[in-house]
Amino acid sequence: FTLGAAAPLLVALIAPVSAIVPAVFV
């Protein structure tokens, strides 16, 4: 679970605020 959760969290961390939704979704 930790490994799975860390993946979208890392994307949210590095993505611009305006792109968090599509970046995390994809």
PDB file of all heavy atoms in Angstrom:
ATOM      1  N   PHE A   1       0.842  -1.193   0.000  1.00  0.00           N
ATOM      2  CA  PHE A   1       0.000   0.000   0.000  1.00  0.00           C
ATOM      3  C   PHE A   1       0.880   1.246   0.000  1.00  0.00           C
ATOM      4  O   PHE A   1       0.622   2.205  -0.734  1.00  0.00           O
ATOM      5  CB  PHE A   1      -0.917   0.023   1.219  1.00  0.00           C
ATOM      6  CG  PHE A   1      -1.855   1.205   1.247  1.00  0.00           C
ATOM      7  CD1 PHE A   1      -3.155   1.079   0.781  1.00  0.00           C
ATOM      8  CD2 PHE A   1      -1.436   2.445   1.709  1.00  0.00           C
ATOM      9  CE1 PHE A   1      -4.025   2.170   0.785  1.00  0.00           C
ATOM     10  CE2 PHE A   1      -2.289   3.537   1.717  1.00  0.00           C
ATOM     11  CZ  PHE A   1      -3.579   3.401   1.251  1.00  0.00           C
ATOM     12  N   THR A   2       1.906   1.248   0.828  1.00  0.00           N
ATOM     13  CA  THR A   2       2.805   2.400   0.904  1.00  0.00           C
ATOM     14  C   THR A   2       3.480   2.661  -0.441  1.00  0.00           C
ATOM     15  O   THR A   2       3.566   3.811  -0.899  1.00  0.00           O
ATOM     16  CB  THR A   2       3.877   2.166   1.986  1.00  0.00           C
ATOM     17  OG1 THR A   2       3.233   1.990   3.255  1.00  0.00           O
ATOM     18  CG2 THR A   2       4.828   3.346   2.069  1.00  0.00           C
ATOM     19  N   LEU A   3       3.956   1.604  -1.083  1.00  0.00           N
ATOM     20  CA  LEU A   3       4.596   1.764  -2.386  1.00  0.00           C
ATOM     21  C   LEU A   3       3.605   2.269  -3.427  1.00  0.00           C
ATOM     22  O   LEU A   3       3.930   3.145  -4.243  1.00  0.00           O
ATOM     23  CB  LEU A   3       5.196   0.426  -2.838  1.00  0.00           C
ATOM     24  CG  LEU A   3       6.364  -0.107  -1.995  1.00  0.00           C
ATOM     25  CD1 LEU A   3       6.774  -1.490  -2.479  1.00  0.00           C
ATOM     26  CD2 LEU A   3       7.543   0.858  -2.060  1.00  0.00           C
ATOM     27  N   GLY A   4       2.375   1.701  -3.391  1.00  0.00           N
ATOM     28  CA  GLY A   4       1.358   2.147  -4.347  1.00  0.00           C
ATOM     29  C   GLY A   4       0.960   3.586  -4.121  1.00  0.00           C
ATOM     30  O   GLY A   4       0.828   4.370  -5.069  1.00  0.00           O
ATOM     31  N   ALA A   5       0.789   3.983  -2.865  1.00  0.00           N
ATOM     32  CA  ALA A   5       0.372   5.349  -2.544  1.00  0.00           C
ATOM     33  C   ALA A   5       1.471   6.354  -2.849  1.00  0.00           C
ATOM     34  O   ALA A   5       1.200   7.515  -3.195  1.00  0.00           O
ATOM     35  CB  ALA A   5      -0.029   5.436  -1.075  1.00  0.00           C
ATOM     36  N   ALA A   6       2.729   5.933  -2.695  1.00  0.00           N
ATOM     37  CA  ALA A   6       3.850   6.852  -2.922  1.00  0.00           C
ATOM     38  C   ALA A   6       3.945   7.275  -4.383  1.00  0.00           C
ATOM     39  O   ALA A   6       4.438   8.379  -4.678  1.00  0.00           O
ATOM     40  CB  ALA A   6       5.153   6.198  -2.482  1.00  0.00           C
ATOM     41  N   ALA A   7       3.479   6.433  -5.290  1.00  0.00           N
ATOM     42  CA  ALA A   7       3.610   6.743  -6.719  1.00  0.00           C
ATOM     43  C   ALA A   7       2.805   7.980  -7.127  1.00  0.00           C
ATOM     44  O   ALA A   7       3.381   8.947  -7.656  1.00  0.00           O
ATOM     45  CB  ALA A   7       3.206   5.521  -7.553  1.00  0.00           C
ATOM     46  N   PRO A   8       1.485   8.042  -6.905  1.00  0.00           N
ATOM     47  CA  PRO A   8       0.752   9.262  -7.254  1.00  0.00           C
ATOM     48  C   PRO A   8       1.140  10.458  -6.383  1.00  0.00           C
ATOM     49  O   PRO A   8       1.070  11.602  -6.835  1.00  0.00           O
ATOM     50  CB  PRO A   8      -0.713   8.878  -7.035  1.00  0.00           C
ATOM     51  CG  PRO A   8      -0.688   7.724  -6.093  1.00  0.00           C
ATOM     52  CD  PRO A   8       0.575   6.987  -6.418  1.00  0.00           C
ATOM     53  N   LEU A   9       1.574  10.203  -5.147  1.00  0.00           N
ATOM     54  CA  LEU A   9       1.994  11.296  -4.273  1.00  0.00           C
ATOM     55  C   LEU A   9       3.245  11.970  -4.824  1.00  0.00           C
ATOM     56  O   LEU A   9       3.375  13.208  -4.783  1.00  0.00           O
ATOM     57  CB  LEU A   9       2.258  10.756  -2.869  1.00  0.00           C
ATOM     58  CG  LEU A   9       2.648  11.787  -1.796  1.00  0.00           C
ATOM     59  CD1 LEU A   9       1.570  12.859  -1.664  1.00  0.00           C
ATOM     60  CD2 LEU A   9       2.878  11.081  -0.465  1.00  0.00           C
ATOM     61  N   LEU A  10       4.167  11.184  -5.358  1.00  0.00           N
ATOM     62  CA  LEU A  10       5.372  11.749  -5.957  1.00  0.00           C
ATOM     63  C   LEU A  10       5.036  12.597  -7.180  1.00  0.00           C
ATOM     64  O   LEU A  10       5.618  13.672  -7.383  1.00  0.00           O
ATOM     65  CB  LEU A  10       6.331  10.617  -6.344  1.00  0.00           C
ATOM     66  CG  LEU A  10       7.643  11.042  -7.011  1.00  0.00           C
ATOM     67  CD1 LEU A  10       8.452  11.915  -6.063  1.00  0.00           C
ATOM     68  CD2 LEU A  10       8.456   9.811  -7.427  1.00  0.00           C
ATOM     69  N   VAL A  11       4.093  12.130  -7.969  1.00  0.00           N
ATOM     70  CA  VAL A  11       3.670  12.905  -9.153  1.00  0.00           C
ATOM     71  C   VAL A  11       3.053  14.222  -8.722  1.00  0.00           C
ATOM     72  O   VAL A  11       3.333  15.280  -9.303  1.00  0.00           O
ATOM     73  CB  VAL A  11       2.671  12.093  -9.999  1.00  0.00           C
ATOM     74  CG1 VAL A  11       2.104  12.943 -11.130  1.00  0.00           C
ATOM     75  CG2 VAL A  11       3.346  10.843 -10.563  1.00  0.00           C
ATOM     76  N   ALA A  12       2.220  14.189  -7.693  1.00  0.00           N
ATOM     77  CA  ALA A  12       1.595  15.419  -7.193  1.00  0.00           C
ATOM     78  C   ALA A  12       2.635  16.383  -6.646  1.00  0.00           C
ATOM     79  O   ALA A  12       2.474  17.607  -6.730  1.00  0.00           O
ATOM     80  CB  ALA A  12       0.582  15.075  -6.112  1.00  0.00           C
ATOM     81  N   LEU A  13       3.703  15.838  -6.098  1.00  0.00           N
ATOM     82  CA  LEU A  13       4.755  16.668  -5.519  1.00  0.00           C
ATOM     83  C   LEU A  13       5.510  17.454  -6.580  1.00  0.00           C
ATOM     84  O   LEU A  13       5.856  18.620  -6.379  1.00  0.00           O
ATOM     85  CB  LEU A  13       5.721  15.787  -4.721  1.00  0.00           C
ATOM     86  CG  LEU A  13       6.935  16.484  -4.089  1.00  0.00           C
ATOM     87  CD1 LEU A  13       6.474  17.476  -3.028  1.00  0.00           C
ATOM     88  CD2 LEU A  13       7.882  15.451  -3.489  1.00  0.00           C
ATOM     89  N   ILE A  14       5.764  16.841  -7.733  1.00  0.00           N
ATOM     90  CA  ILE A  14       6.598  17.491  -8.759  1.00  0.00           C
ATOM     91  C   ILE A  14       5.778  18.188  -9.839  1.00  0.00           C
ATOM     92  O   ILE A  14       6.329  18.997 -10.591  1.00  0.00           O
ATOM     93  CB  ILE A  14       7.547  16.461  -9.406  1.00  0.00           C
ATOM     94  CG1 ILE A  14       6.751  15.363 -10.127  1.00  0.00           C
ATOM     95  CG2 ILE A  14       8.466  15.838  -8.356  1.00  0.00           C
ATOM     96  CD1 ILE A  14       7.626  14.331 -10.829  1.00  0.00           C
ATOM     97  N   ALA A  15       4.481  17.902  -9.913  1.00  0.00           N
ATOM     98  CA  ALA A  15       3.668  18.511 -10.967  1.00  0.00           C
ATOM     99  C   ALA A  15       3.273  19.931 -10.592  1.00  0.00           C
ATOM    100  O   ALA A  15       3.062  20.236  -9.411  1.00  0.00           O
ATOM    101  CB  ALA A  15       2.411  17.676 -11.204  1.00  0.00           C
ATOM    102  N   PRO A  16       3.156  20.841 -11.572  1.00  0.00           N
ATOM    103  CA  PRO A  16       2.628  22.193 -11.291  1.00  0.00           C
ATOM    104  C   PRO A  16       1.209  22.093 -10.754  1.00  0.00           C
ATOM    105  O   PRO A  16       0.486  21.132 -11.054  1.00  0.00           O
ATOM    106  CB  PRO A  16       2.647  22.873 -12.670  1.00  0.00           C
ATOM    107  CG  PRO A  16       3.606  22.073 -13.487  1.00  0.00           C
ATOM    108  CD  PRO A  16       3.516  20.669 -12.993  1.00  0.00           C
ATOM    109  N   VAL A  17       0.810  23.066  -9.963  1.00  0.00           N
ATOM    110  CA  VAL A  17      -0.518  23.028  -9.345  1.00  0.00           C
ATOM    111  C   VAL A  17      -1.610  22.857 -10.394  1.00  0.00           C
ATOM    112  O   VAL A  17      -2.553  22.070 -10.213  1.00  0.00           O
ATOM    113  CB  VAL A  17      -0.759  24.320  -8.529  1.00  0.00           C
ATOM    114  CG1 VAL A  17      -2.199  24.362  -8.019  1.00  0.00           C
ATOM    115  CG2 VAL A  17       0.201  24.390  -7.356  1.00  0.00           C
ATOM    116  N   SER A  18      -1.498  23.569 -11.484  1.00  0.00           N
ATOM    117  CA  SER A  18      -2.543  23.525 -12.521  1.00  0.00           C
ATOM    118  C   SER A  18      -2.614  22.178 -13.236  1.00  0.00           C
ATOM    119  O   SER A  18      -3.618  21.871 -13.885  1.00  0.00           O
ATOM    120  CB  SER A  18      -2.305  24.628 -13.551  1.00  0.00           C
ATOM    121  OG  SER A  18      -1.028  24.457 -14.164  1.00  0.00           O
ATOM    122  N   ALA A  19      -1.561  21.373 -13.099  1.00  0.00           N
ATOM    123  CA  ALA A  19      -1.510  20.099 -13.835  1.00  0.00           C
ATOM    124  C   ALA A  19      -1.616  18.890 -12.919  1.00  0.00           C
ATOM    125  O   ALA A  19      -1.475  17.756 -13.373  1.00  0.00           O
ATOM    126  CB  ALA A  19      -0.212  20.020 -14.636  1.00  0.00           C
ATOM    127  N   ILE A  20      -1.872  19.108 -11.628  1.00  0.00           N
ATOM    128  CA  ILE A  20      -1.908  17.983 -10.694  1.00  0.00           C
ATOM    129  C   ILE A  20      -2.984  16.975 -11.076  1.00  0.00           C
ATOM    130  O   ILE A  20      -2.732  15.763 -11.115  1.00  0.00           O
ATOM    131  CB  ILE A  20      -2.129  18.483  -9.242  1.00  0.00           C
ATOM    132  CG1 ILE A  20      -0.877  19.181  -8.731  1.00  0.00           C
ATOM    133  CG2 ILE A  20      -2.492  17.317  -8.329  1.00  0.00           C
ATOM    134  CD1 ILE A  20      -1.009  19.731  -7.318  1.00  0.00           C
ATOM    135  N   VAL A  21      -4.184  17.448 -11.362  1.00  0.00           N
ATOM    136  CA  VAL A  21      -5.288  16.525 -11.655  1.00  0.00           C
ATOM    137  C   VAL A  21      -4.992  15.645 -12.860  1.00  0.00           C
ATOM    138  O   VAL A  21      -5.041  14.409 -12.764  1.00  0.00           O
ATOM    139  CB  VAL A  21      -6.614  17.292 -11.834  1.00  0.00           C
ATOM    140  CG1 VAL A  21      -7.707  16.340 -12.326  1.00  0.00           C
ATOM    141  CG2 VAL A  21      -7.036  17.928 -10.513  1.00  0.00           C
ATOM    142  N   PRO A  22      -4.685  16.205 -14.051  1.00  0.00           N
ATOM    143  CA  PRO A  22      -4.410  15.318 -15.188  1.00  0.00           C
ATOM    144  C   PRO A  22      -3.143  14.485 -15.003  1.00  0.00           C
ATOM    145  O   PRO A  22      -3.101  13.321 -15.439  1.00  0.00           O
ATOM    146  CB  PRO A  22      -4.270  16.290 -16.364  1.00  0.00           C
ATOM    147  CG  PRO A  22      -3.947  17.607 -15.760  1.00  0.00           C
ATOM    148  CD  PRO A  22      -4.657  17.624 -14.447  1.00  0.00           C
ATOM    149  N   ALA A  23      -2.117  15.061 -14.365  1.00  0.00           N
ATOM    150  CA  ALA A  23      -0.870  14.315 -14.199  1.00  0.00           C
ATOM    151  C   ALA A  23      -1.069  13.096 -13.301  1.00  0.00           C
ATOM    152  O   ALA A  23      -0.619  11.988 -13.626  1.00  0.00           O
ATOM    153  CB  ALA A  23       0.206  15.235 -13.619  1.00  0.00           C
ATOM    154  N   VAL A  24      -1.730  13.295 -12.166  1.00  0.00           N
ATOM    155  CA  VAL A  24      -1.967  12.184 -11.248  1.00  0.00           C
ATOM    156  C   VAL A  24      -2.910  11.162 -11.871  1.00  0.00           C
ATOM    157  O   VAL A  24      -2.724   9.953 -11.724  1.00  0.00           O
ATOM    158  CB  VAL A  24      -2.529  12.703  -9.908  1.00  0.00           C
ATOM    159  CG1 VAL A  24      -2.995  11.546  -9.025  1.00  0.00           C
ATOM    160  CG2 VAL A  24      -1.475  13.522  -9.176  1.00  0.00           C
ATOM    161  N   PHE A  25      -3.916  11.649 -12.586  1.00  0.00           N
ATOM    162  CA  PHE A  25      -4.886  10.750 -13.227  1.00  0.00           C
ATOM    163  C   PHE A  25      -4.176   9.814 -14.208  1.00  0.00           C
ATOM    164  O   PHE A  25      -4.340   8.590 -14.157  1.00  0.00           O
ATOM    165  CB  PHE A  25      -5.945  11.571 -13.963  1.00  0.00           C
ATOM    166  CG  PHE A  25      -7.158  10.781 -14.366  1.00  0.00           C
ATOM    167  CD1 PHE A  25      -8.293  10.777 -13.580  1.00  0.00           C
ATOM    168  CD2 PHE A  25      -7.171  10.044 -15.536  1.00  0.00           C
ATOM    169  CE1 PHE A  25      -9.416  10.048 -13.940  1.00  0.00           C
ATOM    170  CE2 PHE A  25      -8.278   9.311 -15.908  1.00  0.00           C
ATOM    171  CZ  PHE A  25      -9.411   9.316 -15.109  1.00  0.00           C
ATOM    172  N   VAL A  26      -3.379  10.384 -15.096  1.00  0.00           N
ATOM    173  CA  VAL A  26      -2.688   9.581 -16.113  1.00  0.00           C
ATOM    174  C   VAL A  26      -1.648   8.667 -15.466  1.00  0.00           C
ATOM    175  O   VAL A  26      -1.545   7.479 -15.797  1.00  0.00           O
ATOM    176  CB  VAL A  26      -2.023  10.494 -17.167  1.00  0.00           C
ATOM    177  CG1 VAL A  26      -1.137   9.670 -18.100  1.00  0.00           C
ATOM    178  CG2 VAL A  26      -3.079  11.243 -17.958  1.00  0.00           C
TER     179      VAL A  26
END
